[in-house]
Each structure stands twice: as structure tokens, then as C-alpha cells.
Amino acid sequence: MATAEEHHSDWELGFALAYAKLPSENSEGANVHIHLQKRLDYQDWRHYFSVGVGVEMIANDEQHYGTMLTLGIHPLEDWSIDLSSGLEFSNHHGAWENLYATHIETSYVFDVSEHFHLGPVIGYSRTKEAEHYSVGIHIGVPL
């Protein structure tokens, strides 16, 4: 009989392709989020957590980019809640600014194969000046 460790990779390269709404700017756009996360362990309580890094881009009239450090919480094997903090870089009317951002995202995935999973994702990000919501699809590749 195979163990859980034999079925799971410690690392995941994940992509989220989503629609983003930016209510404070009265705009919307395409959202692309990429992260690399490492599950802490599969042997004990640490299997409920992962850590990683991520980047995000929102393509709309004004450019938005983000970098973040992430703590992943996995209440169920296929359900993730990611809490991130980092910087958002945005171009408003030709002037670049960077602000501290908090980001939360949740996804539930379905295994398509041993090397690929996908599922719905919902996200929310906030700086002191703006916020955005996103809904889309998460695509994950165990490494």
C-alpha cells in the first residue's frame, strides 16, 4: 500500500487566471497570479501548512503588479486558503507607486492527472488606497 508521501509533492507551481474587479478605480481586468509553494510536511500537523512566494498582474487601463510571501492553510487535502503580504506596484495616470498589500485567496482543486490539478479560485487584495476582487480558475502542477 502506498503512503501519502508517495502520492504528493512537497512543491507546487500554481497559476490563477481570473477576472478582477477594482471598485475603488471603477475598473476591471484580467488577473494572472503565479505562486511557488512548499508543503511543510506530510507526516504530522505540518501537512496543514505551506509557505511560498507569488507574483500577480492585473491587466487593465492602469497597470497593477504584486509580489508576496504566502502562508497556505490546507483544512482539507484539496482546499487551500492562502494568506499573503507583500507590495503592490501600480501605475496611476503615468505615476508609479508601491503600497503594502494583504491578499487572501481560496481554491478547491480536482486532480486531472498525477501531474496536474485545477479548480475554482476566489481572491481579495487590499492596500490602504485600493482593493480588488477576483474569481477564476487555479491550475496547479506538483514539482
Protein backbone atom coordinates (compact mmCIF):
# COMPACT_ATOMS: atom_id res chain seq x y z
CA MET A 1 0.00 0.00 0.00
CA ALA A 2 1.32 3.48 -0.94
CA THR A 3 1.76 6.18 1.66
CA ALA A 4 0.54 9.77 1.40
CA GLU A 5 4.13 10.88 0.95
CA GLU A 6 4.43 8.80 -2.24
CA HIS A 7 1.34 10.47 -3.78
CA HIS A 8 2.18 14.11 -3.04
CA SER A 9 4.88 16.53 -4.00
CA ASP A 10 6.19 18.99 -1.42
CA TRP A 11 6.28 21.73 -4.09
CA GLU A 12 3.58 23.23 -6.28
CA LEU A 13 3.80 25.71 -9.12
CA GLY A 14 0.37 27.30 -9.31
CA PHE A 15 -1.32 29.66 -11.74
CA ALA A 16 -4.59 31.53 -11.36
CA LEU A 17 -6.30 33.05 -14.36
CA ALA A 18 -9.14 35.29 -13.25
CA TYR A 19 -11.42 38.26 -13.78
CA ALA A 20 -10.57 41.13 -11.41
CA LYS A 21 -12.84 43.94 -10.26
CA LEU A 22 -11.23 47.10 -8.84
CA PRO A 23 -14.15 49.02 -7.28
CA SER A 24 -12.06 51.94 -5.96
CA GLU A 25 -10.88 52.62 -9.53
CA ASN A 26 -14.20 51.71 -11.14
CA SER A 27 -12.38 49.31 -13.46
CA GLU A 28 -11.87 45.64 -14.21
CA GLY A 29 -9.31 43.50 -15.96
CA ALA A 30 -7.65 40.15 -16.42
CA ASN A 31 -5.75 38.83 -13.40
CA VAL A 32 -2.78 36.46 -13.60
CA HIS A 33 -1.32 35.08 -10.38
CA ILE A 34 1.67 32.73 -10.15
CA HIS A 35 2.98 31.13 -6.97
CA LEU A 36 5.54 28.59 -5.84
CA GLN A 37 4.67 26.91 -2.54
CA LYS A 38 6.22 24.18 -0.43
CA ARG A 39 4.11 21.97 1.84
CA LEU A 40 5.85 21.80 5.21
CA ASP A 41 5.38 18.06 5.69
CA TYR A 42 3.03 15.15 5.04
CA GLN A 43 3.78 13.25 8.25
CA ASP A 44 2.16 15.28 11.06
CA TRP A 45 0.25 18.52 11.79
CA ARG A 46 2.58 20.41 9.42
CA HIS A 47 0.78 18.89 6.42
CA TYR A 48 -1.91 21.53 7.00
CA PHE A 49 0.53 24.34 6.08
CA SER A 50 2.69 25.53 3.21
CA VAL A 51 4.89 28.56 2.58
CA GLY A 52 5.80 30.27 -0.65
CA VAL A 53 6.19 33.29 -2.86
CA GLY A 54 3.93 34.75 -5.51
CA VAL A 55 3.53 37.42 -8.16
CA GLU A 56 0.38 38.92 -9.59
CA MET A 57 -0.57 41.14 -12.51
CA ILE A 58 -3.85 42.85 -13.36
CA ALA A 59 -4.11 43.96 -16.97
CA ASN A 60 -6.41 46.95 -17.31
CA ASP A 61 -6.11 50.65 -18.23
CA GLU A 62 -3.69 51.17 -15.34
CA GLN A 63 -1.05 48.54 -14.64
CA HIS A 64 -1.00 46.64 -11.33
CA TYR A 65 1.69 44.20 -10.19
CA GLY A 66 2.21 42.48 -6.88
CA THR A 67 4.85 40.45 -5.08
CA MET A 68 4.03 38.46 -1.96
CA LEU A 69 5.08 35.97 0.69
CA THR A 70 2.42 33.37 1.36
CA LEU A 71 1.27 31.12 4.18
CA GLY A 72 -1.00 28.38 2.86
CA ILE A 73 -3.53 26.66 5.11
CA HIS A 74 -4.97 23.34 3.91
CA PRO A 75 -8.02 22.35 6.01
CA LEU A 76 -8.73 19.56 3.50
CA GLU A 77 -6.34 17.91 1.06
CA ASP A 78 -7.86 19.69 -1.96
CA TRP A 79 -8.87 23.00 -0.31
CA SER A 80 -6.38 25.82 0.22
CA ILE A 81 -6.62 29.19 1.92
CA ASP A 82 -3.62 31.40 1.15
CA LEU A 83 -2.77 34.45 3.28
CA SER A 84 -0.19 36.73 1.71
CA SER A 85 1.52 40.01 2.41
CA GLY A 86 3.68 41.97 0.05
CA LEU A 87 3.88 45.01 -2.20
CA GLU A 88 1.56 46.21 -4.92
CA PHE A 89 3.07 48.33 -7.67
CA SER A 90 0.57 50.37 -9.65
CA ASN A 91 0.71 52.96 -12.39
CA HIS A 92 -1.92 55.65 -11.89
CA HIS A 93 -2.03 58.29 -14.62
CA GLY A 94 1.64 57.76 -15.51
CA ALA A 95 2.98 57.79 -11.93
CA TRP A 96 4.20 54.58 -10.28
CA GLU A 97 3.50 53.93 -6.61
CA ASN A 98 4.07 50.98 -4.31
CA LEU A 99 1.99 50.11 -1.28
CA TYR A 100 1.86 47.32 1.28
CA ALA A 101 -0.84 44.81 0.27
CA THR A 102 -2.66 42.00 2.03
CA HIS A 103 -4.02 39.23 -0.15
CA ILE A 104 -6.29 36.30 0.66
CA GLU A 105 -7.21 33.57 -1.78
CA THR A 106 -9.07 30.30 -1.56
CA SER A 107 -9.24 27.46 -4.06
CA TYR A 108 -10.59 23.94 -4.29
CA VAL A 109 -8.86 21.67 -6.79
CA PHE A 110 -9.66 18.47 -8.61
CA ASP A 111 -6.92 16.10 -9.78
CA VAL A 112 -6.89 15.86 -13.55
CA SER A 113 -3.84 13.60 -13.50
CA GLU A 114 -0.92 12.79 -11.24
CA HIS A 115 0.86 15.88 -12.63
CA PHE A 116 -1.93 18.44 -12.90
CA HIS A 117 -4.94 19.74 -10.97
CA LEU A 118 -7.40 22.58 -11.42
CA GLY A 119 -10.38 24.21 -9.76
CA PRO A 120 -12.14 27.44 -8.88
CA VAL A 121 -10.33 30.26 -7.09
CA ILE A 122 -11.58 33.42 -5.37
CA GLY A 123 -9.27 36.21 -4.21
CA TYR A 124 -9.28 39.55 -2.42
CA SER A 125 -6.46 42.06 -2.08
CA ARG A 126 -6.27 45.36 -0.22
CA THR A 127 -3.89 48.27 0.14
CA LYS A 128 -4.58 51.43 2.14
CA GLU A 129 -5.88 53.07 -1.05
CA ALA A 130 -7.50 50.34 -3.10
CA GLU A 131 -8.84 46.82 -3.21
CA HIS A 132 -9.64 44.22 -5.82
CA TYR A 133 -11.69 41.04 -6.02
CA SER A 134 -11.01 38.18 -8.40
CA VAL A 135 -12.70 34.99 -9.48
CA GLY A 136 -11.26 32.43 -11.85
CA ILE A 137 -9.52 29.11 -12.23
CA HIS A 138 -6.48 27.75 -10.38
CA ILE A 139 -4.12 25.44 -12.22
CA GLY A 140 -1.52 23.56 -10.18
CA VAL A 141 1.49 21.50 -11.17
CA PRO A 142 3.23 19.44 -8.46
CA LEU A 143 7.01 19.65 -8.90
